[in-house]
């Protein structure tokens, strides 16, 4: 069906942002959508996200089996 495909996983430790919203900031996910909150508060969350993303990349590089626990996957398939 497809001659080749590539994939990448992301959002392993960066899920911490969602946990922070829920447990620390007490943001109710039924009243406020977290993805919107991330977009509106991008400047405040940027440093945390970048730090967590760097750790994610290191984990994927040195412990590749951890990719299966990532929150998202992106697939590019070519015919």
N, C-alpha and C. Protein backbone atom coordinates (compact mmCIF):
# COMPACT_ATOMS: atom_id res chain seq x y z
N UNK A 1 0.81 -1.18 0.00
CA UNK A 1 0.00 0.00 0.00
C UNK A 1 0.87 1.27 0.00
N UNK A 2 1.81 1.36 0.93
CA UNK A 2 2.74 2.49 0.97
C UNK A 2 4.15 1.96 0.79
N UNK A 3 4.94 2.68 0.01
CA UNK A 3 6.31 2.23 -0.24
C UNK A 3 7.23 2.50 0.94
N UNK A 4 6.94 3.54 1.69
CA UNK A 4 7.76 3.82 2.87
C UNK A 4 6.95 4.63 3.88
N UNK A 5 7.41 4.58 5.09
CA UNK A 5 6.79 5.41 6.12
C UNK A 5 7.81 5.73 7.20
N UNK A 6 7.59 6.84 7.85
CA UNK A 6 8.42 7.27 8.97
C UNK A 6 7.49 7.67 10.09
N UNK A 7 7.98 7.59 11.30
CA UNK A 7 7.16 8.04 12.42
C UNK A 7 8.04 8.67 13.48
N UNK A 8 7.42 9.49 14.28
CA UNK A 8 8.11 10.09 15.41
C UNK A 8 7.12 10.16 16.56
N UNK A 9 7.62 10.00 17.75
CA UNK A 9 6.78 10.09 18.94
C UNK A 9 7.18 11.34 19.71
N UNK A 10 6.24 11.90 20.42
CA UNK A 10 6.54 13.07 21.22
C UNK A 10 5.56 13.18 22.38
N UNK A 11 5.85 14.07 23.27
CA UNK A 11 5.08 14.28 24.51
C UNK A 11 5.21 13.08 25.44
N UNK A 12 6.40 12.91 25.97
CA UNK A 12 6.63 11.88 26.98
C UNK A 12 6.58 12.55 28.36
N UNK A 13 7.61 13.27 28.72
CA UNK A 13 7.61 14.01 29.98
C UNK A 13 6.90 15.35 29.87
N UNK A 14 6.72 15.83 28.66
CA UNK A 14 6.04 17.11 28.48
C UNK A 14 4.58 17.03 28.89
N UNK A 15 4.09 15.83 29.15
CA UNK A 15 2.74 15.68 29.68
C UNK A 15 2.62 16.31 31.07
N UNK A 16 3.77 16.58 31.67
CA UNK A 16 3.79 17.21 32.99
C UNK A 16 2.95 18.49 32.98
N UNK A 17 2.92 19.19 31.87
CA UNK A 17 2.15 20.43 31.79
C UNK A 17 0.68 20.17 32.11
N UNK A 18 0.13 19.09 31.57
CA UNK A 18 -1.27 18.75 31.87
C UNK A 18 -1.45 18.39 33.34
N UNK A 19 -0.52 17.63 33.89
CA UNK A 19 -0.61 17.26 35.30
C UNK A 19 -0.51 18.49 36.20
N UNK A 20 0.33 19.41 35.80
CA UNK A 20 0.47 20.66 36.56
C UNK A 20 -0.83 21.45 36.56
N UNK A 21 -1.46 21.54 35.39
CA UNK A 21 -2.75 22.23 35.32
C UNK A 21 -3.75 21.59 36.28
N UNK A 22 -3.82 20.28 36.27
CA UNK A 22 -4.85 19.58 37.04
C UNK A 22 -4.55 19.55 38.54
N UNK A 23 -3.34 19.13 38.91
CA UNK A 23 -3.05 18.91 40.32
C UNK A 23 -2.54 20.14 41.07
N UNK A 24 -1.78 20.98 40.41
CA UNK A 24 -1.19 22.13 41.09
C UNK A 24 -2.03 23.38 40.91
N UNK A 25 -2.40 23.69 39.67
CA UNK A 25 -3.18 24.90 39.41
C UNK A 25 -4.68 24.68 39.58
N UNK A 26 -5.09 23.43 39.74
CA UNK A 26 -6.50 23.07 39.96
C UNK A 26 -7.43 23.57 38.87
N UNK A 27 -6.99 23.43 37.62
CA UNK A 27 -7.80 23.83 36.47
C UNK A 27 -8.71 22.65 36.11
N UNK A 28 -9.99 22.90 36.10
CA UNK A 28 -10.96 21.85 35.78
C UNK A 28 -10.98 21.63 34.27
N UNK A 29 -10.63 20.42 33.79
CA UNK A 29 -10.60 20.18 32.34
C UNK A 29 -11.98 20.22 31.68
N UNK A 30 -13.03 20.12 32.46
CA UNK A 30 -14.38 20.23 31.90
C UNK A 30 -14.80 21.67 31.68
N UNK A 31 -14.16 22.59 32.36
CA UNK A 31 -14.51 24.01 32.22
C UNK A 31 -13.54 24.78 31.34
N UNK A 32 -12.30 24.32 31.28
CA UNK A 32 -11.29 25.01 30.47
C UNK A 32 -10.46 23.97 29.72
N UNK A 33 -10.40 24.10 28.42
CA UNK A 33 -9.64 23.15 27.60
C UNK A 33 -8.15 23.43 27.74
N UNK A 34 -7.42 22.37 28.05
CA UNK A 34 -5.99 22.53 28.29
C UNK A 34 -5.24 22.98 27.05
N UNK A 35 -5.62 22.50 25.88
CA UNK A 35 -4.90 22.90 24.67
C UNK A 35 -5.07 24.40 24.43
N UNK A 36 -6.25 24.95 24.77
CA UNK A 36 -6.45 26.39 24.62
C UNK A 36 -5.60 27.14 25.65
N UNK A 37 -5.55 26.62 26.85
CA UNK A 37 -4.76 27.24 27.90
C UNK A 37 -3.28 27.28 27.51
N UNK A 38 -2.81 26.21 26.88
CA UNK A 38 -1.41 26.18 26.42
C UNK A 38 -1.17 27.26 25.38
N UNK A 39 -2.12 27.43 24.46
CA UNK A 39 -1.96 28.46 23.43
C UNK A 39 -1.99 29.86 24.03
N UNK A 40 -2.91 30.10 24.94
CA UNK A 40 -3.04 31.43 25.55
C UNK A 40 -1.88 31.77 26.47
N UNK A 41 -1.33 30.77 27.12
CA UNK A 41 -0.27 31.00 28.11
C UNK A 41 1.08 30.48 27.62
N UNK A 42 1.27 30.52 26.34
CA UNK A 42 2.49 29.99 25.72
C UNK A 42 3.74 30.63 26.29
N UNK A 43 3.72 31.91 26.50
CA UNK A 43 4.91 32.60 26.99
C UNK A 43 5.30 32.12 28.40
N UNK A 44 4.32 31.92 29.25
CA UNK A 44 4.57 31.45 30.61
C UNK A 44 5.08 30.01 30.63
N UNK A 45 4.59 29.19 29.71
CA UNK A 45 4.92 27.76 29.70
C UNK A 45 6.14 27.42 28.85
N UNK A 46 6.63 28.37 28.09
CA UNK A 46 7.70 28.10 27.12
C UNK A 46 8.94 27.48 27.76
N UNK A 47 9.45 28.07 28.83
CA UNK A 47 10.68 27.56 29.45
C UNK A 47 10.51 26.13 29.95
N UNK A 48 9.38 25.88 30.59
CA UNK A 48 9.11 24.53 31.10
C UNK A 48 9.02 23.54 29.95
N UNK A 49 8.30 23.92 28.90
CA UNK A 49 8.13 23.02 27.76
C UNK A 49 9.46 22.70 27.10
N UNK A 50 10.27 23.72 26.86
CA UNK A 50 11.56 23.51 26.19
C UNK A 50 12.45 22.59 27.03
N UNK A 51 12.47 22.80 28.33
CA UNK A 51 13.27 21.96 29.21
C UNK A 51 12.80 20.51 29.15
N UNK A 52 11.49 20.31 29.23
CA UNK A 52 10.94 18.95 29.18
C UNK A 52 11.14 18.30 27.82
N UNK A 53 11.05 19.10 26.76
CA UNK A 53 11.25 18.55 25.42
C UNK A 53 12.69 18.07 25.23
N UNK A 54 13.66 18.80 25.77
CA UNK A 54 15.05 18.37 25.69
C UNK A 54 15.26 17.05 26.43
N UNK A 55 14.63 16.92 27.57
CA UNK A 55 14.72 15.66 28.32
C UNK A 55 14.07 14.54 27.52
N UNK A 56 12.91 14.82 26.91
CA UNK A 56 12.24 13.83 26.06
C UNK A 56 13.16 13.33 24.94
N UNK A 57 13.83 14.26 24.28
CA UNK A 57 14.72 13.88 23.18
C UNK A 57 15.87 13.01 23.68
N UNK A 58 16.40 13.34 24.85
CA UNK A 58 17.48 12.52 25.42
C UNK A 58 16.98 11.13 25.77
N UNK A 59 15.80 11.06 26.34
CA UNK A 59 15.23 9.75 26.69
C UNK A 59 15.03 8.91 25.43
N UNK A 60 14.48 9.52 24.39
CA UNK A 60 14.25 8.77 23.14
C UNK A 60 15.56 8.31 22.52
N UNK A 61 16.62 9.10 22.70
CA UNK A 61 17.91 8.75 22.12
C UNK A 61 18.58 7.61 22.89
N UNK A 62 18.59 7.69 24.21
CA UNK A 62 19.31 6.72 25.02
C UNK A 62 18.46 5.54 25.49
N UNK A 63 17.15 5.71 25.50
CA UNK A 63 16.23 4.64 25.90
C UNK A 63 15.12 4.53 24.86
N UNK A 64 15.42 4.05 23.66
CA UNK A 64 14.44 4.07 22.58
C UNK A 64 13.16 3.29 22.87
N UNK A 65 13.21 2.31 23.77
CA UNK A 65 12.00 1.55 24.09
C UNK A 65 10.95 2.42 24.79
N UNK A 66 11.36 3.56 25.32
CA UNK A 66 10.41 4.46 26.00
C UNK A 66 9.48 5.17 25.03
N UNK A 67 9.78 5.13 23.74
CA UNK A 67 8.93 5.79 22.74
C UNK A 67 7.49 5.29 22.80
N UNK A 68 7.31 4.04 23.16
CA UNK A 68 5.96 3.47 23.20
C UNK A 68 5.08 4.13 24.25
N UNK A 69 5.68 4.83 25.20
CA UNK A 69 4.92 5.48 26.27
C UNK A 69 4.62 6.95 25.97
N UNK A 70 5.03 7.41 24.81
CA UNK A 70 4.77 8.80 24.43
C UNK A 70 3.28 9.03 24.20
N UNK A 71 2.88 10.25 24.40
CA UNK A 71 1.47 10.62 24.31
C UNK A 71 1.00 10.69 22.86
N UNK A 72 1.83 11.14 21.95
CA UNK A 72 1.45 11.33 20.54
C UNK A 72 2.43 10.64 19.60
N UNK A 73 1.92 10.37 18.41
CA UNK A 73 2.75 9.81 17.34
C UNK A 73 2.37 10.52 16.04
N UNK A 74 3.38 10.82 15.24
CA UNK A 74 3.15 11.42 13.92
C UNK A 74 3.70 10.44 12.88
N UNK A 75 2.89 10.14 11.88
CA UNK A 75 3.27 9.18 10.84
C UNK A 75 3.24 9.88 9.49
N UNK A 76 4.30 9.68 8.70
CA UNK A 76 4.35 10.17 7.33
C UNK A 76 4.51 8.95 6.44
N UNK A 77 3.51 8.69 5.61
CA UNK A 77 3.54 7.54 4.70
C UNK A 77 3.60 8.04 3.26
N UNK A 78 4.45 7.41 2.45
CA UNK A 78 4.64 7.80 1.06
C UNK A 78 4.23 6.64 0.16
N UNK A 79 3.46 6.96 -0.88
CA UNK A 79 3.06 5.92 -1.84
C UNK A 79 4.19 5.59 -2.77
